[in-house]
Amino acid sequence: LSTGITAALGVPSQVILIILMFLGRIGPMAIAIALAK
């Protein structure tokens, strides 16, 4: 869902949203486990 600002955010903000989507799908816990040696 969006209030319509996605396209106008600019590339840096869009990259942050890309990272958030990836984190949100994989899951914070899974990411933490994956990064742990």
PDB file of all heavy atoms in Angstrom:
ATOM      1  N   LEU A   1       0.840  -1.190   0.000  1.00  0.00           N
ATOM      2  CA  LEU A   1       0.000   0.000   0.000  1.00  0.00           C
ATOM      3  C   LEU A   1       0.879   1.244   0.000  1.00  0.00           C
ATOM      4  O   LEU A   1       1.961   1.246   0.584  1.00  0.00           O
ATOM      5  CB  LEU A   1      -0.915   0.017   1.224  1.00  0.00           C
ATOM      6  CG  LEU A   1      -2.022  -1.039   1.256  1.00  0.00           C
ATOM      7  CD1 LEU A   1      -2.732  -1.021   2.608  1.00  0.00           C
ATOM      8  CD2 LEU A   1      -3.025  -0.808   0.134  1.00  0.00           C
ATOM      9  N   SER A   2       0.405   2.300  -0.639  1.00  0.00           N
ATOM     10  CA  SER A   2       1.192   3.526  -0.728  1.00  0.00           C
ATOM     11  C   SER A   2       0.274   4.723  -0.833  1.00  0.00           C
ATOM     12  O   SER A   2      -0.823   4.637  -1.395  1.00  0.00           O
ATOM     13  CB  SER A   2       2.123   3.475  -1.946  1.00  0.00           C
ATOM     14  OG  SER A   2       2.812   4.703  -2.117  1.00  0.00           O
ATOM     15  N   THR A   3       0.728   5.843  -0.296  1.00  0.00           N
ATOM     16  CA  THR A   3      -0.002   7.091  -0.431  1.00  0.00           C
ATOM     17  C   THR A   3       0.343   7.779  -1.747  1.00  0.00           C
ATOM     18  O   THR A   3      -0.075   8.915  -1.985  1.00  0.00           O
ATOM     19  CB  THR A   3       0.301   8.031   0.744  1.00  0.00           C
ATOM     20  OG1 THR A   3       1.720   8.244   0.836  1.00  0.00           O
ATOM     21  CG2 THR A   3      -0.209   7.439   2.045  1.00  0.00           C
ATOM     22  N   GLY A   4       1.131   7.101  -2.589  1.00  0.00           N
ATOM     23  CA  GLY A   4       1.457   7.613  -3.909  1.00  0.00           C
ATOM     24  C   GLY A   4       2.803   8.281  -4.025  1.00  0.00           C
ATOM     25  O   GLY A   4       3.072   8.972  -5.025  1.00  0.00           O
ATOM     26  N   ILE A   5       3.678   8.067  -3.044  1.00  0.00           N
ATOM     27  CA  ILE A   5       4.958   8.780  -3.057  1.00  0.00           C
ATOM     28  C   ILE A   5       6.123   7.910  -3.528  1.00  0.00           C
ATOM     29  O   ILE A   5       7.244   8.407  -3.640  1.00  0.00           O
ATOM     30  CB  ILE A   5       5.286   9.336  -1.650  1.00  0.00           C
ATOM     31  CG1 ILE A   5       5.586   8.182  -0.676  1.00  0.00           C
ATOM     32  CG2 ILE A   5       4.155  10.194  -1.132  1.00  0.00           C
ATOM     33  CD1 ILE A   5       6.087   8.664   0.674  1.00  0.00           C
ATOM     34  N   THR A   6       5.888   6.641  -3.825  1.00  0.00           N
ATOM     35  CA  THR A   6       6.985   5.722  -4.154  1.00  0.00           C
ATOM     36  C   THR A   6       7.839   6.216  -5.314  1.00  0.00           C
ATOM     37  O   THR A   6       9.069   6.247  -5.226  1.00  0.00           O
ATOM     38  CB  THR A   6       6.432   4.328  -4.492  1.00  0.00           C
ATOM     39  OG1 THR A   6       5.552   3.900  -3.457  1.00  0.00           O
ATOM     40  CG2 THR A   6       7.563   3.328  -4.622  1.00  0.00           C
ATOM     41  N   ALA A   7       7.193   6.608  -6.394  1.00  0.00           N
ATOM     42  CA  ALA A   7       7.929   7.020  -7.591  1.00  0.00           C
ATOM     43  C   ALA A   7       8.681   8.325  -7.385  1.00  0.00           C
ATOM     44  O   ALA A   7       9.696   8.567  -8.056  1.00  0.00           O
ATOM     45  CB  ALA A   7       6.977   7.147  -8.773  1.00  0.00           C
ATOM     46  N   ALA A   8       8.211   9.168  -6.448  1.00  0.00           N
ATOM     47  CA  ALA A   8       8.814  10.485  -6.251  1.00  0.00           C
ATOM     48  C   ALA A   8       9.851  10.516  -5.131  1.00  0.00           C
ATOM     49  O   ALA A   8      10.401  11.575  -4.839  1.00  0.00           O
ATOM     50  CB  ALA A   8       7.714  11.508  -5.955  1.00  0.00           C
ATOM     51  N   LEU A   9      10.127   9.382  -4.526  1.00  0.00           N
ATOM     52  CA  LEU A   9      11.032   9.366  -3.385  1.00  0.00           C
ATOM     53  C   LEU A   9      12.483   9.654  -3.759  1.00  0.00           C
ATOM     54  O   LEU A   9      13.244  10.192  -2.972  1.00  0.00           O
ATOM     55  CB  LEU A   9      10.959   8.001  -2.682  1.00  0.00           C
ATOM     56  CG  LEU A   9       9.780   7.785  -1.748  1.00  0.00           C
ATOM     57  CD1 LEU A   9       9.766   6.354  -1.245  1.00  0.00           C
ATOM     58  CD2 LEU A   9       9.838   8.757  -0.573  1.00  0.00           C
ATOM     59  N   GLY A  10      12.899   9.280  -4.958  1.00  0.00           N
ATOM     60  CA  GLY A  10      14.299   9.399  -5.325  1.00  0.00           C
ATOM     61  C   GLY A  10      15.010   8.075  -5.145  1.00  0.00           C
ATOM     62  O   GLY A  10      14.605   7.231  -4.330  1.00  0.00           O
ATOM     63  N   VAL A  11      16.098   7.891  -5.879  1.00  0.00           N
ATOM     64  CA  VAL A  11      16.798   6.606  -5.890  1.00  0.00           C
ATOM     65  C   VAL A  11      17.301   6.189  -4.507  1.00  0.00           C
ATOM     66  O   VAL A  11      17.126   5.036  -4.108  1.00  0.00           O
ATOM     67  CB  VAL A  11      17.955   6.637  -6.908  1.00  0.00           C
ATOM     68  CG1 VAL A  11      18.785   5.358  -6.817  1.00  0.00           C
ATOM     69  CG2 VAL A  11      17.411   6.805  -8.329  1.00  0.00           C
ATOM     70  N   PRO A  12      17.949   7.073  -3.719  1.00  0.00           N
ATOM     71  CA  PRO A  12      18.432   6.628  -2.390  1.00  0.00           C
ATOM     72  C   PRO A  12      17.320   6.067  -1.515  1.00  0.00           C
ATOM     73  O   PRO A  12      17.483   5.025  -0.868  1.00  0.00           O
ATOM     74  CB  PRO A  12      19.032   7.905  -1.795  1.00  0.00           C
ATOM     75  CG  PRO A  12      19.421   8.729  -2.975  1.00  0.00           C
ATOM     76  CD  PRO A  12      18.359   8.467  -4.000  1.00  0.00           C
ATOM     77  N   SER A  13      16.186   6.746  -1.483  1.00  0.00           N
ATOM     78  CA  SER A  13      15.059   6.268  -0.669  1.00  0.00           C
ATOM     79  C   SER A  13      14.480   4.978  -1.234  1.00  0.00           C
ATOM     80  O   SER A  13      14.076   4.086  -0.483  1.00  0.00           O
ATOM     81  CB  SER A  13      13.970   7.334  -0.602  1.00  0.00           C
ATOM     82  OG  SER A  13      14.438   8.508   0.017  1.00  0.00           O
ATOM     83  N   GLN A  14      14.445   4.861  -2.556  1.00  0.00           N
ATOM     84  CA  GLN A  14      13.942   3.639  -3.178  1.00  0.00           C
ATOM     85  C   GLN A  14      14.845   2.450  -2.873  1.00  0.00           C
ATOM     86  O   GLN A  14      14.368   1.333  -2.681  1.00  0.00           O
ATOM     87  CB  GLN A  14      13.798   3.849  -4.683  1.00  0.00           C
ATOM     88  CG  GLN A  14      12.677   4.805  -5.059  1.00  0.00           C
ATOM     89  CD  GLN A  14      12.674   5.202  -6.518  1.00  0.00           C
ATOM     90  OE1 GLN A  14      13.587   4.827  -7.275  1.00  0.00           O
ATOM     91  NE2 GLN A  14      11.678   5.954  -6.950  1.00  0.00           N
ATOM     92  N   VAL A  15      16.150   2.685  -2.817  1.00  0.00           N
ATOM     93  CA  VAL A  15      17.079   1.614  -2.450  1.00  0.00           C
ATOM     94  C   VAL A  15      16.825   1.169  -1.014  1.00  0.00           C
ATOM     95  O   VAL A  15      16.872  -0.033  -0.705  1.00  0.00           O
ATOM     96  CB  VAL A  15      18.538   2.096  -2.614  1.00  0.00           C
ATOM     97  CG1 VAL A  15      19.509   1.078  -2.012  1.00  0.00           C
ATOM     98  CG2 VAL A  15      18.864   2.311  -4.086  1.00  0.00           C
ATOM     99  N   ILE A  16      16.524   2.111  -0.137  1.00  0.00           N
ATOM    100  CA  ILE A  16      16.198   1.755   1.253  1.00  0.00           C
ATOM    101  C   ILE A  16      14.945   0.886   1.295  1.00  0.00           C
ATOM    102  O   ILE A  16      14.881  -0.108   2.043  1.00  0.00           O
ATOM    103  CB  ILE A  16      16.006   3.027   2.095  1.00  0.00           C
ATOM    104  CG1 ILE A  16      17.333   3.770   2.241  1.00  0.00           C
ATOM    105  CG2 ILE A  16      15.443   2.680   3.476  1.00  0.00           C
ATOM    106  CD1 ILE A  16      17.208   5.100   2.949  1.00  0.00           C
ATOM    107  N   LEU A  17      13.944   1.231   0.485  1.00  0.00           N
ATOM    108  CA  LEU A  17      12.719   0.423   0.438  1.00  0.00           C
ATOM    109  C   LEU A  17      13.009  -0.967  -0.112  1.00  0.00           C
ATOM    110  O   LEU A  17      12.415  -1.955   0.346  1.00  0.00           O
ATOM    111  CB  LEU A  17      11.660   1.121  -0.418  1.00  0.00           C
ATOM    112  CG  LEU A  17      11.102   2.450   0.095  1.00  0.00           C
ATOM    113  CD1 LEU A  17      10.004   2.948  -0.829  1.00  0.00           C
ATOM    114  CD2 LEU A  17      10.579   2.306   1.517  1.00  0.00           C
ATOM    115  N   ILE A  18      13.913  -1.064  -1.078  1.00  0.00           N
ATOM    116  CA  ILE A  18      14.304  -2.373  -1.618  1.00  0.00           C
ATOM    117  C   ILE A  18      14.896  -3.241  -0.517  1.00  0.00           C
ATOM    118  O   ILE A  18      14.544  -4.418  -0.370  1.00  0.00           O
ATOM    119  CB  ILE A  18      15.308  -2.195  -2.772  1.00  0.00           C
ATOM    120  CG1 ILE A  18      14.605  -1.625  -4.006  1.00  0.00           C
ATOM    121  CG2 ILE A  18      15.978  -3.526  -3.118  1.00  0.00           C
ATOM    122  CD1 ILE A  18      15.553  -1.271  -5.139  1.00  0.00           C
ATOM    123  N   ILE A  19      15.782  -2.654   0.270  1.00  0.00           N
ATOM    124  CA  ILE A  19      16.402  -3.398   1.380  1.00  0.00           C
ATOM    125  C   ILE A  19      15.345  -3.815   2.392  1.00  0.00           C
ATOM    126  O   ILE A  19      15.359  -4.945   2.902  1.00  0.00           O
ATOM    127  CB  ILE A  19      17.488  -2.540   2.051  1.00  0.00           C
ATOM    128  CG1 ILE A  19      18.626  -2.253   1.060  1.00  0.00           C
ATOM    129  CG2 ILE A  19      18.029  -3.232   3.305  1.00  0.00           C
ATOM    130  CD1 ILE A  19      19.651  -1.266   1.580  1.00  0.00           C
ATOM    131  N   LEU A  20      14.412  -2.915   2.683  1.00  0.00           N
ATOM    132  CA  LEU A  20      13.357  -3.230   3.649  1.00  0.00           C
ATOM    133  C   LEU A  20      12.472  -4.369   3.152  1.00  0.00           C
ATOM    134  O   LEU A  20      12.091  -5.258   3.938  1.00  0.00           O
ATOM    135  CB  LEU A  20      12.503  -1.986   3.906  1.00  0.00           C
ATOM    136  CG  LEU A  20      13.119  -0.894   4.769  1.00  0.00           C
ATOM    137  CD1 LEU A  20      12.222   0.325   4.790  1.00  0.00           C
ATOM    138  CD2 LEU A  20      13.359  -1.395   6.187  1.00  0.00           C
ATOM    139  N   MET A  21      12.116  -4.355   1.870  1.00  0.00           N
ATOM    140  CA  MET A  21      11.284  -5.428   1.321  1.00  0.00           C
ATOM    141  C   MET A  21      11.993  -6.773   1.429  1.00  0.00           C
ATOM    142  O   MET A  21      11.370  -7.780   1.788  1.00  0.00           O
ATOM    143  CB  MET A  21      10.911  -5.116  -0.130  1.00  0.00           C
ATOM    144  CG  MET A  21       9.901  -3.999  -0.300  1.00  0.00           C
ATOM    145  SD  MET A  21       9.297  -3.791  -2.005  1.00  0.00           S
ATOM    146  CE  MET A  21      10.737  -3.107  -2.815  1.00  0.00           C
ATOM    147  N   PHE A  22      13.278  -6.780   1.117  1.00  0.00           N
ATOM    148  CA  PHE A  22      14.046  -8.029   1.192  1.00  0.00           C
ATOM    149  C   PHE A  22      14.134  -8.509   2.635  1.00  0.00           C
ATOM    150  O   PHE A  22      13.932  -9.694   2.928  1.00  0.00           O
ATOM    151  CB  PHE A  22      15.442  -7.818   0.606  1.00  0.00           C
ATOM    152  CG  PHE A  22      16.178  -9.091   0.315  1.00  0.00           C
ATOM    153  CD1 PHE A  22      15.953  -9.785  -0.863  1.00  0.00           C
ATOM    154  CD2 PHE A  22      17.093  -9.601   1.224  1.00  0.00           C
ATOM    155  CE1 PHE A  22      16.624 -10.967  -1.128  1.00  0.00           C
ATOM    156  CE2 PHE A  22      17.771 -10.778   0.969  1.00  0.00           C
ATOM    157  CZ  PHE A  22      17.538 -11.467  -0.216  1.00  0.00           C
ATOM    158  N   LEU A  23      14.426  -7.577   3.554  1.00  0.00           N
ATOM    159  CA  LEU A  23      14.486  -7.938   4.971  1.00  0.00           C
ATOM    160  C   LEU A  23      13.135  -8.441   5.464  1.00  0.00           C
ATOM    161  O   LEU A  23      13.055  -9.418   6.213  1.00  0.00           O
ATOM    162  CB  LEU A  23      14.915  -6.729   5.803  1.00  0.00           C
ATOM    163  CG  LEU A  23      16.383  -6.322   5.759  1.00  0.00           C
ATOM    164  CD1 LEU A  23      16.578  -5.000   6.491  1.00  0.00           C
ATOM    165  CD2 LEU A  23      17.272  -7.397   6.361  1.00  0.00           C
ATOM    166  N   GLY A  24      12.079  -7.752   5.052  1.00  0.00           N
ATOM    167  CA  GLY A  24      10.750  -8.130   5.517  1.00  0.00           C
ATOM    168  C   GLY A  24      10.314  -9.486   5.020  1.00  0.00           C
ATOM    169  O   GLY A  24       9.599 -10.206   5.722  1.00  0.00           O
ATOM    170  N   ARG A  25      10.714  -9.867   3.797  1.00  0.00           N
ATOM    171  CA  ARG A  25      10.322 -11.166   3.255  1.00  0.00           C
ATOM    172  C   ARG A  25      11.130 -12.303   3.882  1.00  0.00           C
ATOM    173  O   ARG A  25      10.577 -13.319   4.283  1.00  0.00           O
ATOM    174  CB  ARG A  25      10.511 -11.173   1.727  1.00  0.00           C
ATOM    175  CG  ARG A  25      10.139 -12.490   1.071  1.00  0.00           C
ATOM    176  CD  ARG A  25       8.728 -12.905   1.423  1.00  0.00           C
ATOM    177  NE  ARG A  25       8.372 -14.193   0.867  1.00  0.00           N
ATOM    178  CZ  ARG A  25       7.381 -14.945   1.293  1.00  0.00           C
ATOM    179  NH1 ARG A  25       6.633 -14.555   2.309  1.00  0.00           N
ATOM    180  NH2 ARG A  25       7.107 -16.105   0.729  1.00  0.00           N
ATOM    181  N   ILE A  26      12.430 -12.121   3.978  1.00  0.00           N
ATOM    182  CA  ILE A  26      13.269 -13.167   4.556  1.00  0.00           C
ATOM    183  C   ILE A  26      13.032 -13.269   6.049  1.00  0.00           C
ATOM    184  O   ILE A  26      13.050 -14.352   6.628  1.00  0.00           O
ATOM    185  CB  ILE A  26      14.762 -12.885   4.283  1.00  0.00           C
ATOM    186  CG1 ILE A  26      15.009 -12.750   2.787  1.00  0.00           C
ATOM    187  CG2 ILE A  26      15.630 -13.999   4.851  1.00  0.00           C
ATOM    188  CD1 ILE A  26      14.626 -13.955   1.971  1.00  0.00           C
ATOM    189  N   GLY A  27      12.807 -12.145   6.680  1.00  0.00           N
ATOM    190  CA  GLY A  27      12.557 -12.146   8.112  1.00  0.00           C
ATOM    191  C   GLY A  27      13.783 -11.698   8.876  1.00  0.00           C
ATOM    192  O   GLY A  27      14.887 -12.163   8.605  1.00  0.00           O
ATOM    193  N   PRO A  28      13.601 -10.793   9.846  1.00  0.00           N
ATOM    194  CA  PRO A  28      14.735 -10.313  10.636  1.00  0.00           C
ATOM    195  C   PRO A  28      15.502 -11.441  11.328  1.00  0.00           C
ATOM    196  O   PRO A  28      16.728 -11.444  11.360  1.00  0.00           O
ATOM    197  CB  PRO A  28      14.067  -9.392  11.670  1.00  0.00           C
ATOM    198  CG  PRO A  28      12.780  -8.994  11.049  1.00  0.00           C
ATOM    199  CD  PRO A  28      12.338 -10.162  10.232  1.00  0.00           C
ATOM    200  N   MET A  29      14.763 -12.410  11.855  1.00  0.00           N
ATOM    201  CA  MET A  29      15.432 -13.502  12.554  1.00  0.00           C
ATOM    202  C   MET A  29      16.244 -14.353  11.582  1.00  0.00           C
ATOM    203  O   MET A  29      17.387 -14.740  11.876  1.00  0.00           O
ATOM    204  CB  MET A  29      14.395 -14.378  13.270  1.00  0.00           C
ATOM    205  CG  MET A  29      14.987 -15.535  14.059  1.00  0.00           C
ATOM    206  SD  MET A  29      16.047 -14.989  15.406  1.00  0.00           S
ATOM    207  CE  MET A  29      14.820 -14.357  16.550  1.00  0.00           C
ATOM    208  N   ALA A  30      15.687 -14.651  10.416  1.00  0.00           N
ATOM    209  CA  ALA A  30      16.411 -15.468   9.442  1.00  0.00           C
ATOM    210  C   ALA A  30      17.657 -14.751   8.949  1.00  0.00           C
ATOM    211  O   ALA A  30      18.708 -15.361   8.751  1.00  0.00           O
ATOM    212  CB  ALA A  30      15.501 -15.807   8.260  1.00  0.00           C
ATOM    213  N   ILE A  31      17.544 -13.427   8.746  1.00  0.00           N
ATOM    214  CA  ILE A  31      18.699 -12.654   8.323  1.00  0.00           C
ATOM    215  C   ILE A  31      19.785 -12.694   9.393  1.00  0.00           C
ATOM    216  O   ILE A  31      20.977 -12.864   9.097  1.00  0.00           O
ATOM    217  CB  ILE A  31      18.305 -11.194   8.031  1.00  0.00           C
ATOM    218  CG1 ILE A  31      17.435 -11.123   6.771  1.00  0.00           C
ATOM    219  CG2 ILE A  31      19.522 -10.314   7.865  1.00  0.00           C
ATOM    220  CD1 ILE A  31      18.166 -11.486   5.501  1.00  0.00           C
ATOM    221  N   ALA A  32      19.378 -12.542  10.644  1.00  0.00           N
ATOM    222  CA  ALA A  32      20.350 -12.567  11.733  1.00  0.00           C
ATOM    223  C   ALA A  32      21.050 -13.924  11.801  1.00  0.00           C
ATOM    224  O   ALA A  32      22.263 -14.005  11.998  1.00  0.00           O
ATOM    225  CB  ALA A  32      19.652 -12.265  13.061  1.00  0.00           C
ATOM    226  N   ILE A  33      20.288 -14.997  11.606  1.00  0.00           N
ATOM    227  CA  ILE A  33      20.877 -16.339  11.641  1.00  0.00           C
ATOM    228  C   ILE A  33      21.801 -16.543  10.451  1.00  0.00           C
ATOM    229  O   ILE A  33      22.886 -17.118  10.561  1.00  0.00           O
ATOM    230  CB  ILE A  33      19.766 -17.404  11.641  1.00  0.00           C
ATOM    231  CG1 ILE A  33      18.950 -17.318  12.938  1.00  0.00           C
ATOM    232  CG2 ILE A  33      20.349 -18.805  11.490  1.00  0.00           C
ATOM    233  CD1 ILE A  33      17.741 -18.225  12.965  1.00  0.00           C
ATOM    234  N   ALA A  34      21.378 -16.053   9.281  1.00  0.00           N
ATOM    235  CA  ALA A  34      22.175 -16.229   8.071  1.00  0.00           C
ATOM    236  C   ALA A  34      23.509 -15.509   8.172  1.00  0.00           C
ATOM    237  O   ALA A  34      24.521 -15.976   7.645  1.00  0.00           O
ATOM    238  CB  ALA A  34      21.399 -15.735   6.853  1.00  0.00           C
ATOM    239  N   LEU A  35      23.523 -14.349   8.837  1.00  0.00           N
ATOM    240  CA  LEU A  35      24.747 -13.576   8.943  1.00  0.00           C
ATOM    241  C   LEU A  35      25.668 -14.073  10.051  1.00  0.00           C
ATOM    242  O   LEU A  35      26.854 -13.757  10.059  1.00  0.00           O
ATOM    243  CB  LEU A  35      24.417 -12.095   9.185  1.00  0.00           C
ATOM    244  CG  LEU A  35      23.681 -11.383   8.037  1.00  0.00           C
ATOM    245  CD1 LEU A  35      23.356  -9.953   8.431  1.00  0.00           C
ATOM    246  CD2 LEU A  35      24.517 -11.415   6.766  1.00  0.00           C
ATOM    247  N   ALA A  36      25.099 -14.818  10.976  1.00  0.00           N
ATOM    248  CA  ALA A  36      25.911 -15.328  12.081  1.00  0.00           C
ATOM    249  C   ALA A  36      26.824 -16.446  11.591  1.00  0.00           C
ATOM    250  O   ALA A  36      26.397 -17.364  10.906  1.00  0.00           O
ATOM    251  CB  ALA A  36      25.006 -15.844  13.196  1.00  0.00           C
ATOM    252  N   LYS A  37      28.095 -16.370  11.915  1.00  0.00           N
ATOM    253  CA  LYS A  37      29.051 -17.383  11.458  1.00  0.00           C
ATOM    254  C   LYS A  37      28.833 -18.707  12.179  1.00  0.00           C
ATOM    255  O   LYS A  37      28.940 -19.773  11.602  1.00  0.00           O
ATOM    256  CB  LYS A  37      30.472 -16.891  11.682  1.00  0.00           C
ATOM    257  CG  LYS A  37      30.850 -15.698  10.805  1.00  0.00           C
ATOM    258  CD  LYS A  37      32.291 -15.299  11.023  1.00  0.00           C
ATOM    259  CE  LYS A  37      32.687 -14.130  10.124  1.00  0.00           C
ATOM    260  NZ  LYS A  37      34.094 -13.719  10.343  1.00  0.00           N
TER     261      LYS A  37
END
